[in-house]
Amino acid sequence: MRTPLLRLFTVLASGLLLAACALTPPPAAPGAAQAKAELLWLGQSTFRLTTPSGKVIVTDPWLRPNPKTPAEYKDLAKLGKVDLILVTHGHGDHIADAPDLALMNKARVIAPGDLNMVLNTLGVLPPELTPRMNKSGTIVPFPDVPGLKITMVKAEHSSLFAWKNPATGKIESHYGGEPVGFIIELENGQKIYHMGDTGLFGDMKFIGEYYKPDVLLIPIGGNFTTAPVDAAYATREFLKPRFAIPMHYGTNPLNRGTPEQYMQALGQTNTKVVPLQPGEKFSF
């Protein structure tokens, strides 16, 4: 028979055990800790990035006019719900579908601040969808995902926004701000460097050393951007990512660079090149 003291000890021990169980978080769902990011390449500089927490970010949306876009994605709705749009500069092959995609999803467009001001003042997009930021600026676009960050960095290119004036029916050229690239830091700490349209420049070394990108989205077409040899030099000497995905090639006769030329120029490195076809995905 239990003594009163033993019964008291048993009750107290049971209470402490229940409290400890209540404070212990439930086990993670299978595979939750290993959630991966997914990149779907749709040609040129357009990617649909799905982050580990499920946020969807589209870069440089040029889909309907792009000859390399898979037929399915000529319909913007087939992208699914889009949470954020990143635009590196004002050229048509990077921004053409951004306004419609933004309005369709009520998604903000993160672009060079001066370009967003132009989109706003021309009435292309409303102020709530055209926030302002600039190079070296970092934002946390989703309050519920504090680990997901977007930083603007330099790109060596130009930027002009061609707009058809509805009153005159004529095409007008408007200043498109300075071109940029984006460092996308994911919830799991991995970093993607979307280089936009850029030529080779010395500060790529700083970007490599400071941001330490894991995945590089690098233009290789030449003429308008780095050619395969320049892209290989930047990859090998400056950026040194774990993965590199070639982009911005093969959409017109002037974008002559190929992944094969890029890989040949790159030679033996620790970077794994992932040459995708439009419509193919890469998870990491």
C-alpha atoms as a PDB file:
ATOM      1  CA  MET A   1       0.000   0.000   0.000  1.00  0.00           C
ATOM      2  CA  ARG A   2       1.383   3.422  -0.971  1.00  0.00           C
ATOM      3  CA  THR A   3       2.209   5.875   1.780  1.00  0.00           C
ATOM      4  CA  PRO A   4       0.838   9.463   1.493  1.00  0.00           C
ATOM      5  CA  LEU A   5       4.374  10.697   0.805  1.00  0.00           C
ATOM      6  CA  LEU A   6       4.864   8.182  -2.027  1.00  0.00           C
ATOM      7  CA  ARG A   7       1.493   9.078  -3.537  1.00  0.00           C
ATOM      8  CA  LEU A   8       2.441  12.802  -3.433  1.00  0.00           C
ATOM      9  CA  PHE A   9       5.767  12.081  -5.156  1.00  0.00           C
ATOM     10  CA  THR A  10       4.013  10.061  -7.881  1.00  0.00           C
ATOM     11  CA  VAL A  11       1.534  12.859  -8.592  1.00  0.00           C
ATOM     12  CA  LEU A  12       4.274  15.484  -8.780  1.00  0.00           C
ATOM     13  CA  ALA A  13       6.410  13.338 -11.098  1.00  0.00           C
ATOM     14  CA  SER A  14       3.454  12.689 -13.407  1.00  0.00           C
ATOM     15  CA  GLY A  15       2.701  16.410 -13.579  1.00  0.00           C
ATOM     16  CA  LEU A  16       6.278  17.273 -14.464  1.00  0.00           C
ATOM     17  CA  LEU A  17       6.298  14.606 -17.185  1.00  0.00           C
ATOM     18  CA  LEU A  18       3.095  15.974 -18.720  1.00  0.00           C
ATOM     19  CA  ALA A  19       4.462  19.516 -18.654  1.00  0.00           C
ATOM     20  CA  ALA A  20       7.661  18.411 -20.370  1.00  0.00           C
ATOM     21  CA  CYS A  21       5.656  16.636 -23.089  1.00  0.00           C
ATOM     22  CA  ALA A  22       3.551  19.743 -23.625  1.00  0.00           C
ATOM     23  CA  LEU A  23       6.673  21.880 -24.097  1.00  0.00           C
ATOM     24  CA  THR A  24       8.339  19.426 -26.474  1.00  0.00           C
ATOM     25  CA  PRO A  25       7.549  20.330 -30.126  1.00  0.00           C
ATOM     26  CA  PRO A  26       6.022  17.594 -32.250  1.00  0.00           C
ATOM     27  CA  PRO A  27       8.422  15.731 -34.523  1.00  0.00           C
ATOM     28  CA  ALA A  28       8.949  17.264 -37.950  1.00  0.00           C
ATOM     29  CA  ALA A  29       7.050  15.736 -40.825  1.00  0.00           C
ATOM     30  CA  PRO A  30       9.106  13.269 -42.872  1.00  0.00           C
ATOM     31  CA  GLY A  31      11.392  15.200 -45.240  1.00  0.00           C
ATOM     32  CA  ALA A  32      10.509  18.607 -43.758  1.00  0.00           C
ATOM     33  CA  ALA A  33      14.076  19.294 -42.637  1.00  0.00           C
ATOM     34  CA  GLN A  34      15.310  18.361 -46.108  1.00  0.00           C
ATOM     35  CA  ALA A  35      12.927  20.662 -48.022  1.00  0.00           C
ATOM     36  CA  LYS A  36      14.597  21.772 -51.240  1.00  0.00           C
ATOM     37  CA  ALA A  37      14.369  24.753 -53.524  1.00  0.00           C
ATOM     38  CA  GLU A  38      13.309  24.237 -57.139  1.00  0.00           C
ATOM     39  CA  LEU A  39      14.279  26.242 -60.204  1.00  0.00           C
ATOM     40  CA  LEU A  40      12.222  25.906 -63.381  1.00  0.00           C
ATOM     41  CA  TRP A  41      13.957  27.513 -66.369  1.00  0.00           C
ATOM     42  CA  LEU A  42      11.653  28.953 -69.012  1.00  0.00           C
ATOM     43  CA  GLY A  43      14.230  30.410 -71.403  1.00  0.00           C
ATOM     44  CA  GLN A  44      16.334  33.571 -71.511  1.00  0.00           C
ATOM     45  CA  SER A  45      16.526  34.870 -67.897  1.00  0.00           C
ATOM     46  CA  THR A  46      13.113  33.661 -66.776  1.00  0.00           C
ATOM     47  CA  PHE A  47      13.043  31.263 -63.842  1.00  0.00           C
ATOM     48  CA  ARG A  48      10.275  30.193 -61.520  1.00  0.00           C
ATOM     49  CA  LEU A  49      11.862  29.669 -58.124  1.00  0.00           C
ATOM     50  CA  THR A  50       9.938  27.732 -55.493  1.00  0.00           C
ATOM     51  CA  THR A  51      11.613  28.241 -52.116  1.00  0.00           C
ATOM     52  CA  PRO A  52      11.802  25.587 -49.371  1.00  0.00           C
ATOM     53  CA  SER A  53       8.783  27.129 -47.613  1.00  0.00           C
ATOM     54  CA  GLY A  54       6.742  27.234 -50.833  1.00  0.00           C
ATOM     55  CA  LYS A  55       7.063  30.892 -51.855  1.00  0.00           C
ATOM     56  CA  VAL A  56       7.105  31.350 -55.640  1.00  0.00           C
ATOM     57  CA  ILE A  57       9.383  33.972 -57.189  1.00  0.00           C
ATOM     58  CA  VAL A  58       9.559  34.626 -60.940  1.00  0.00           C
ATOM     59  CA  THR A  59      12.578  36.380 -62.446  1.00  0.00           C
ATOM     60  CA  ASP A  60      12.650  38.509 -65.598  1.00  0.00           C
ATOM     61  CA  PRO A  61       9.339  37.253 -67.006  1.00  0.00           C
ATOM     62  CA  TRP A  62       9.554  37.141 -70.799  1.00  0.00           C
ATOM     63  CA  LEU A  63       7.272  34.283 -71.748  1.00  0.00           C
ATOM     64  CA  ARG A  64       4.662  35.015 -74.385  1.00  0.00           C
ATOM     65  CA  PRO A  65       7.056  36.631 -76.947  1.00  0.00           C
ATOM     66  CA  ASN A  66       9.966  34.260 -76.177  1.00  0.00           C
ATOM     67  CA  PRO A  67      10.514  31.683 -78.952  1.00  0.00           C
ATOM     68  CA  LYS A  68      12.075  29.284 -76.405  1.00  0.00           C
ATOM     69  CA  THR A  69       9.224  29.325 -73.885  1.00  0.00           C
ATOM     70  CA  PRO A  70       7.508  25.914 -73.667  1.00  0.00           C
ATOM     71  CA  ALA A  71       4.011  26.167 -75.171  1.00  0.00           C
ATOM     72  CA  GLU A  72       2.340  25.456 -71.825  1.00  0.00           C
ATOM     73  CA  TYR A  73       3.823  28.563 -70.236  1.00  0.00           C
ATOM     74  CA  LYS A  74       2.683  30.932 -72.964  1.00  0.00           C
ATOM     75  CA  ASP A  75      -0.373  31.022 -70.703  1.00  0.00           C
ATOM     76  CA  LEU A  76       0.810  33.013 -67.675  1.00  0.00           C
ATOM     77  CA  ALA A  77      -1.770  31.325 -65.448  1.00  0.00           C
ATOM     78  CA  LYS A  78       0.124  28.034 -65.888  1.00  0.00           C
ATOM     79  CA  LEU A  79       2.873  29.421 -63.658  1.00  0.00           C
ATOM     80  CA  GLY A  80       0.483  29.004 -60.730  1.00  0.00           C
ATOM     81  CA  LYS A  81       0.329  31.459 -57.848  1.00  0.00           C
ATOM     82  CA  VAL A  82       3.235  33.909 -58.013  1.00  0.00           C
ATOM     83  CA  ASP A  83       4.241  35.662 -54.783  1.00  0.00           C
ATOM     84  CA  LEU A  84       7.007  37.977 -56.021  1.00  0.00           C
ATOM     85  CA  ILE A  85       8.562  39.123 -59.314  1.00  0.00           C
ATOM     86  CA  LEU A  86      12.194  40.170 -59.748  1.00  0.00           C
ATOM     87  CA  VAL A  87      13.173  42.294 -62.769  1.00  0.00           C
ATOM     88  CA  THR A  88      16.835  43.074 -63.408  1.00  0.00           C
ATOM     89  CA  HIS A  89      16.350  45.906 -65.929  1.00  0.00           C
ATOM     90  CA  GLY A  90      13.925  47.519 -68.358  1.00  0.00           C
ATOM     91  CA  HIS A  91      14.604  45.702 -71.641  1.00  0.00           C
ATOM     92  CA  GLY A  92      11.604  43.976 -73.167  1.00  0.00           C
ATOM     93  CA  ASP A  93      13.084  40.496 -72.995  1.00  0.00           C
ATOM     94  CA  HIS A  94      13.180  40.822 -69.198  1.00  0.00           C
ATOM     95  CA  ILE A  95      10.094  42.816 -68.308  1.00  0.00           C
ATOM     96  CA  ALA A  96       7.518  42.196 -71.057  1.00  0.00           C
ATOM     97  CA  ASP A  97       5.185  39.994 -68.996  1.00  0.00           C
ATOM     98  CA  ALA A  98       5.940  41.486 -65.577  1.00  0.00           C
ATOM     99  CA  PRO A  99       3.018  43.971 -65.506  1.00  0.00           C
ATOM    100  CA  ASP A 100       0.352  41.417 -66.460  1.00  0.00           C
ATOM    101  CA  LEU A 101       1.816  38.785 -64.158  1.00  0.00           C
ATOM    102  CA  ALA A 102       1.930  41.272 -61.279  1.00  0.00           C
ATOM    103  CA  LEU A 103      -1.671  42.398 -61.750  1.00  0.00           C
ATOM    104  CA  MET A 104      -2.887  38.817 -62.158  1.00  0.00           C
ATOM    105  CA  ASN A 105      -1.314  37.742 -58.850  1.00  0.00           C
ATOM    106  CA  LYS A 106      -1.280  41.067 -56.973  1.00  0.00           C
ATOM    107  CA  ALA A 107       2.458  40.398 -56.690  1.00  0.00           C
ATOM    108  CA  ARG A 108       5.014  43.126 -56.099  1.00  0.00           C
ATOM    109  CA  VAL A 109       7.680  43.772 -58.717  1.00  0.00           C
ATOM    110  CA  ILE A 110      11.144  44.214 -57.249  1.00  0.00           C
ATOM    111  CA  ALA A 111      13.170  46.120 -59.842  1.00  0.00           C
ATOM    112  CA  PRO A 112      15.676  49.003 -59.906  1.00  0.00           C
ATOM    113  CA  GLY A 113      14.037  51.876 -58.040  1.00  0.00           C
ATOM    114  CA  ASP A 114      14.076  54.283 -60.967  1.00  0.00           C
ATOM    115  CA  LEU A 115      12.515  51.691 -63.254  1.00  0.00           C
ATOM    116  CA  ASN A 116       9.705  51.125 -60.765  1.00  0.00           C
ATOM    117  CA  MET A 117       9.146  54.880 -60.573  1.00  0.00           C
ATOM    118  CA  VAL A 118       8.768  54.945 -64.369  1.00  0.00           C
ATOM    119  CA  LEU A 119       6.294  52.040 -64.264  1.00  0.00           C
ATOM    120  CA  ASN A 120       4.354  53.905 -61.606  1.00  0.00           C
ATOM    121  CA  THR A 121       4.317  57.346 -63.234  1.00  0.00           C
ATOM    122  CA  LEU A 122       3.342  55.926 -66.636  1.00  0.00           C
ATOM    123  CA  GLY A 123       0.446  54.077 -65.015  1.00  0.00           C
ATOM    124  CA  VAL A 124       1.803  50.652 -66.002  1.00  0.00           C
ATOM    125  CA  LEU A 125       1.604  49.414 -62.398  1.00  0.00           C
ATOM    126  CA  PRO A 126       0.185  50.950 -59.196  1.00  0.00           C
ATOM    127  CA  PRO A 127       2.415  52.178 -56.332  1.00  0.00           C
ATOM    128  CA  GLU A 128       1.591  49.227 -54.076  1.00  0.00           C
ATOM    129  CA  LEU A 129       3.112  46.850 -56.647  1.00  0.00           C
ATOM    130  CA  THR A 130       6.208  48.954 -57.407  1.00  0.00           C
ATOM    131  CA  PRO A 131       8.221  49.329 -54.166  1.00  0.00           C
ATOM    132  CA  ARG A 132      11.496  51.237 -54.323  1.00  0.00           C
ATOM    133  CA  MET A 133      14.980  49.918 -53.596  1.00  0.00           C
ATOM    134  CA  ASN A 134      18.465  50.140 -55.046  1.00  0.00           C
ATOM    135  CA  LYS A 135      21.814  48.383 -55.276  1.00  0.00           C
ATOM    136  CA  SER A 136      23.116  47.034 -51.943  1.00  0.00           C
ATOM    137  CA  GLY A 137      19.590  47.282 -50.560  1.00  0.00           C
ATOM    138  CA  THR A 138      18.271  44.153 -48.861  1.00  0.00           C
ATOM    139  CA  ILE A 139      14.609  43.367 -48.235  1.00  0.00           C
ATOM    140  CA  VAL A 140      12.700  40.657 -46.403  1.00  0.00           C
ATOM    141  CA  PRO A 141       9.701  40.401 -48.757  1.00  0.00           C
ATOM    142  CA  PHE A 142       7.635  37.997 -46.648  1.00  0.00           C
ATOM    143  CA  PRO A 143       7.186  38.729 -42.911  1.00  0.00           C
ATOM    144  CA  ASP A 144       6.234  35.095 -42.315  1.00  0.00           C
ATOM    145  CA  VAL A 145       9.543  33.914 -43.821  1.00  0.00           C
ATOM    146  CA  PRO A 146      12.209  36.099 -42.151  1.00  0.00           C
ATOM    147  CA  GLY A 147      15.079  33.995 -43.477  1.00  0.00           C
ATOM    148  CA  LEU A 148      14.235  34.759 -47.116  1.00  0.00           C
ATOM    149  CA  LYS A 149      16.104  37.884 -48.250  1.00  0.00           C
ATOM    150  CA  ILE A 150      16.626  39.693 -51.563  1.00  0.00           C
ATOM    151  CA  THR A 151      19.663  41.916 -52.189  1.00  0.00           C
ATOM    152  CA  MET A 152      20.322  44.007 -55.293  1.00  0.00           C
ATOM    153  CA  VAL A 153      23.855  44.025 -56.671  1.00  0.00           C
ATOM    154  CA  LYS A 154      25.622  45.657 -59.571  1.00  0.00           C
ATOM    155  CA  ALA A 155      25.325  44.547 -63.194  1.00  0.00           C
ATOM    156  CA  GLU A 156      27.310  45.901 -66.130  1.00  0.00           C
ATOM    157  CA  HIS A 157      24.704  46.531 -68.816  1.00  0.00           C
ATOM    158  CA  SER A 158      22.135  49.172 -69.855  1.00  0.00           C
ATOM    159  CA  SER A 159      18.431  49.671 -69.230  1.00  0.00           C
ATOM    160  CA  LEU A 160      15.683  51.253 -71.300  1.00  0.00           C
ATOM    161  CA  PHE A 161      11.932  50.785 -71.013  1.00  0.00           C
ATOM    162  CA  ALA A 162      10.007  50.875 -74.307  1.00  0.00           C
ATOM    163  CA  TRP A 163       6.366  51.819 -73.739  1.00  0.00           C
ATOM    164  CA  LYS A 164       3.505  52.129 -76.202  1.00  0.00           C
ATOM    165  CA  ASN A 165       1.647  55.337 -75.407  1.00  0.00           C
ATOM    166  CA  PRO A 166      -2.078  54.484 -75.548  1.00  0.00           C
ATOM    167  CA  ALA A 167      -2.929  58.075 -76.460  1.00  0.00           C
ATOM    168  CA  THR A 168      -0.679  58.241 -79.525  1.00  0.00           C
ATOM    169  CA  GLY A 169      -0.119  54.579 -80.354  1.00  0.00           C
ATOM    170  CA  LYS A 170       3.602  55.317 -80.621  1.00  0.00           C
ATOM    171  CA  ILE A 171       6.492  53.560 -78.868  1.00  0.00           C
ATOM    172  CA  GLU A 172       8.321  55.808 -76.415  1.00  0.00           C
ATOM    173  CA  SER A 173      11.716  55.169 -74.812  1.00  0.00           C
ATOM    174  CA  HIS A 174      11.967  55.819 -71.088  1.00  0.00           C
ATOM    175  CA  TYR A 175      14.909  55.649 -68.701  1.00  0.00           C
ATOM    176  CA  GLY A 176      14.934  52.218 -67.086  1.00  0.00           C
ATOM    177  CA  GLY A 177      17.152  52.831 -64.080  1.00  0.00           C
ATOM    178  CA  GLU A 178      20.509  51.107 -63.660  1.00  0.00           C
ATOM    179  CA  PRO A 179      20.586  47.356 -64.326  1.00  0.00           C
ATOM    180  CA  VAL A 180      21.063  45.022 -61.383  1.00  0.00           C
ATOM    181  CA  GLY A 181      21.554  41.426 -60.353  1.00  0.00           C
ATOM    182  CA  PHE A 182      19.946  39.733 -57.363  1.00  0.00           C
ATOM    183  CA  ILE A 183      21.284  37.718 -54.461  1.00  0.00           C
ATOM    184  CA  ILE A 184      18.397  35.561 -53.237  1.00  0.00           C
ATOM    185  CA  GLU A 185      19.102  34.129 -49.805  1.00  0.00           C
ATOM    186  CA  LEU A 186      16.778  31.226 -49.089  1.00  0.00           C
ATOM    187  CA  GLU A 187      15.252  30.156 -45.791  1.00  0.00           C
ATOM    188  CA  ASN A 188      17.818  27.373 -45.484  1.00  0.00           C
ATOM    189  CA  GLY A 189      20.759  29.771 -45.938  1.00  0.00           C
ATOM    190  CA  GLN A 190      21.602  28.846 -49.527  1.00  0.00           C
ATOM    191  CA  LYS A 191      22.139  31.746 -51.928  1.00  0.00           C
ATOM    192  CA  ILE A 192      21.247  32.145 -55.586  1.00  0.00           C
ATOM    193  CA  TYR A 193      22.945  34.826 -57.684  1.00  0.00           C
ATOM    194  CA  HIS A 194      20.781  35.845 -60.651  1.00  0.00           C
ATOM    195  CA  MET A 195      23.239  37.906 -62.665  1.00  0.00           C
ATOM    196  CA  GLY A 196      20.690  39.489 -65.005  1.00  0.00           C
ATOM    197  CA  ASP A 197      22.234  40.815 -68.200  1.00  0.00           C
ATOM    198  CA  THR A 198      25.823  41.676 -67.428  1.00  0.00           C
ATOM    199  CA  GLY A 199      29.271  41.907 -68.856  1.00  0.00           C
ATOM    200  CA  LEU A 200      32.389  40.941 -66.950  1.00  0.00           C
ATOM    201  CA  PHE A 201      33.388  43.379 -64.186  1.00  0.00           C
ATOM    202  CA  GLY A 202      35.931  43.291 -61.370  1.00  0.00           C
ATOM    203  CA  ASP A 203      33.462  43.597 -58.508  1.00  0.00           C
ATOM    204  CA  MET A 204      32.206  40.107 -59.314  1.00  0.00           C
ATOM    205  CA  LYS A 205      35.160  39.023 -57.178  1.00  0.00           C
ATOM    206  CA  PHE A 206      33.752  41.020 -54.267  1.00  0.00           C
ATOM    207  CA  ILE A 207      30.296  39.518 -54.833  1.00  0.00           C
ATOM    208  CA  GLY A 208      31.808  36.038 -54.765  1.00  0.00           C
ATOM    209  CA  GLU A 209      33.809  36.678 -51.603  1.00  0.00           C
ATOM    210  CA  TYR A 210      31.127  38.588 -49.711  1.00  0.00           C
ATOM    211  CA  TYR A 211      27.875  36.834 -50.663  1.00  0.00           C
ATOM    212  CA  LYS A 212      29.331  33.383 -51.447  1.00  0.00           C
ATOM    213  CA  PRO A 213      26.588  32.246 -53.857  1.00  0.00           C
ATOM    214  CA  ASP A 214      25.758  28.547 -53.984  1.00  0.00           C
ATOM    215  CA  VAL A 215      23.867  28.665 -57.289  1.00  0.00           C
ATOM    216  CA  LEU A 216      24.775  30.906 -60.207  1.00  0.00           C
ATOM    217  CA  LEU A 217      22.305  31.862 -62.941  1.00  0.00           C
ATOM    218  CA  ILE A 218      24.746  33.167 -65.519  1.00  0.00           C
ATOM    219  CA  PRO A 219      24.277  34.644 -69.017  1.00  0.00           C
ATOM    220  CA  ILE A 220      26.477  33.054 -71.685  1.00  0.00           C
ATOM    221  CA  GLY A 221      25.014  34.248 -74.992  1.00  0.00           C
ATOM    222  CA  GLY A 222      27.531  36.989 -75.767  1.00  0.00           C
ATOM    223  CA  ASN A 223      26.961  40.215 -77.726  1.00  0.00           C
ATOM    224  CA  PHE A 224      24.590  41.649 -75.088  1.00  0.00           C
ATOM    225  CA  THR A 225      26.127  39.847 -72.086  1.00  0.00           C
ATOM    226  CA  THR A 226      29.101  37.757 -71.066  1.00  0.00           C
ATOM    227  CA  ALA A 227      30.137  35.260 -73.724  1.00  0.00           C
ATOM    228  CA  PRO A 228      31.047  31.683 -72.703  1.00  0.00           C
ATOM    229  CA  VAL A 229      34.746  32.496 -72.141  1.00  0.00           C
ATOM    230  CA  ASP A 230      33.959  35.568 -70.009  1.00  0.00           C
ATOM    231  CA  ALA A 231      31.268  33.692 -68.090  1.00  0.00           C
ATOM    232  CA  ALA A 232      33.692  30.844 -67.436  1.00  0.00           C
ATOM    233  CA  TYR A 233      36.336  33.257 -66.116  1.00  0.00           C
ATOM    234  CA  ALA A 234      33.826  34.893 -63.770  1.00  0.00           C
ATOM    235  CA  THR A 235      32.669  31.488 -62.537  1.00  0.00           C
ATOM    236  CA  ARG A 236      36.137  30.031 -62.005  1.00  0.00           C
ATOM    237  CA  GLU A 237      38.073  33.057 -60.741  1.00  0.00           C
ATOM    238  CA  PHE A 238      35.501  35.272 -59.042  1.00  0.00           C
ATOM    239  CA  LEU A 239      32.300  33.519 -57.993  1.00  0.00           C
ATOM    240  CA  LYS A 240      33.154  29.845 -57.387  1.00  0.00           C
ATOM    241  CA  PRO A 241      29.605  28.561 -56.801  1.00  0.00           C
ATOM    242  CA  ARG A 242      28.626  24.944 -56.181  1.00  0.00           C
ATOM    243  CA  PHE A 243      26.276  25.001 -59.186  1.00  0.00           C
ATOM    244  CA  ALA A 244      26.022  27.127 -62.335  1.00  0.00           C
ATOM    245  CA  ILE A 245      23.014  27.224 -64.664  1.00  0.00           C
ATOM    246  CA  PRO A 246      23.653  28.880 -68.056  1.00  0.00           C
ATOM    247  CA  MET A 247      20.966  31.281 -69.301  1.00  0.00           C
ATOM    248  CA  HIS A 248      20.329  34.058 -71.848  1.00  0.00           C
ATOM    249  CA  TYR A 249      21.408  32.239 -74.987  1.00  0.00           C
ATOM    250  CA  GLY A 250      19.848  30.759 -78.119  1.00  0.00           C
ATOM    251  CA  THR A 251      16.870  33.112 -78.401  1.00  0.00           C
ATOM    252  CA  ASN A 252      18.173  35.072 -81.376  1.00  0.00           C
ATOM    253  CA  PRO A 253      21.116  34.853 -83.807  1.00  0.00           C
ATOM    254  CA  LEU A 254      23.198  37.256 -81.691  1.00  0.00           C
ATOM    255  CA  ASN A 255      23.023  35.073 -78.549  1.00  0.00           C
ATOM    256  CA  ARG A 256      25.416  32.504 -80.014  1.00  0.00           C
ATOM    257  CA  GLY A 257      27.048  31.149 -76.861  1.00  0.00           C
ATOM    258  CA  THR A 258      26.284  27.562 -75.850  1.00  0.00           C
ATOM    259  CA  PRO A 259      26.552  25.582 -72.605  1.00  0.00           C
ATOM    260  CA  GLU A 260      29.107  23.325 -74.287  1.00  0.00           C
ATOM    261  CA  GLN A 261      31.370  26.297 -75.030  1.00  0.00           C
ATOM    262  CA  TYR A 262      30.929  27.551 -71.465  1.00  0.00           C
ATOM    263  CA  MET A 263      31.822  24.180 -69.938  1.00  0.00           C
ATOM    264  CA  GLN A 264      34.815  23.771 -72.228  1.00  0.00           C
ATOM    265  CA  ALA A 265      36.122  27.224 -71.252  1.00  0.00           C
ATOM    266  CA  LEU A 266      35.458  26.518 -67.576  1.00  0.00           C
ATOM    267  CA  GLY A 267      37.609  23.398 -67.516  1.00  0.00           C
ATOM    268  CA  GLN A 268      38.098  21.405 -64.314  1.00  0.00           C
ATOM    269  CA  THR A 269      36.569  23.172 -61.299  1.00  0.00           C
ATOM    270  CA  ASN A 270      34.519  22.357 -58.223  1.00  0.00           C
ATOM    271  CA  THR A 271      31.507  24.007 -59.859  1.00  0.00           C
ATOM    272  CA  LYS A 272      28.927  21.639 -61.303  1.00  0.00           C
ATOM    273  CA  VAL A 273      27.341  23.067 -64.456  1.00  0.00           C
ATOM    274  CA  VAL A 274      23.650  22.218 -64.862  1.00  0.00           C
ATOM    275  CA  PRO A 275      22.633  22.895 -68.486  1.00  0.00           C
ATOM    276  CA  LEU A 276      18.831  22.947 -68.574  1.00  0.00           C
ATOM    277  CA  GLN A 277      16.421  22.960 -71.482  1.00  0.00           C
ATOM    278  CA  PRO A 278      13.470  25.361 -71.222  1.00  0.00           C
ATOM    279  CA  GLY A 279      10.838  23.602 -69.126  1.00  0.00           C
ATOM    280  CA  GLU A 280      13.351  21.573 -67.116  1.00  0.00           C
ATOM    281  CA  LYS A 281      13.792  21.830 -63.352  1.00  0.00           C
ATOM    282  CA  PHE A 282      16.710  21.730 -60.935  1.00  0.00           C
ATOM    283  CA  SER A 283      16.276  21.044 -57.213  1.00  0.00           C
ATOM    284  CA  PHE A 284      18.954  21.680 -54.609  1.00  0.00           C
END
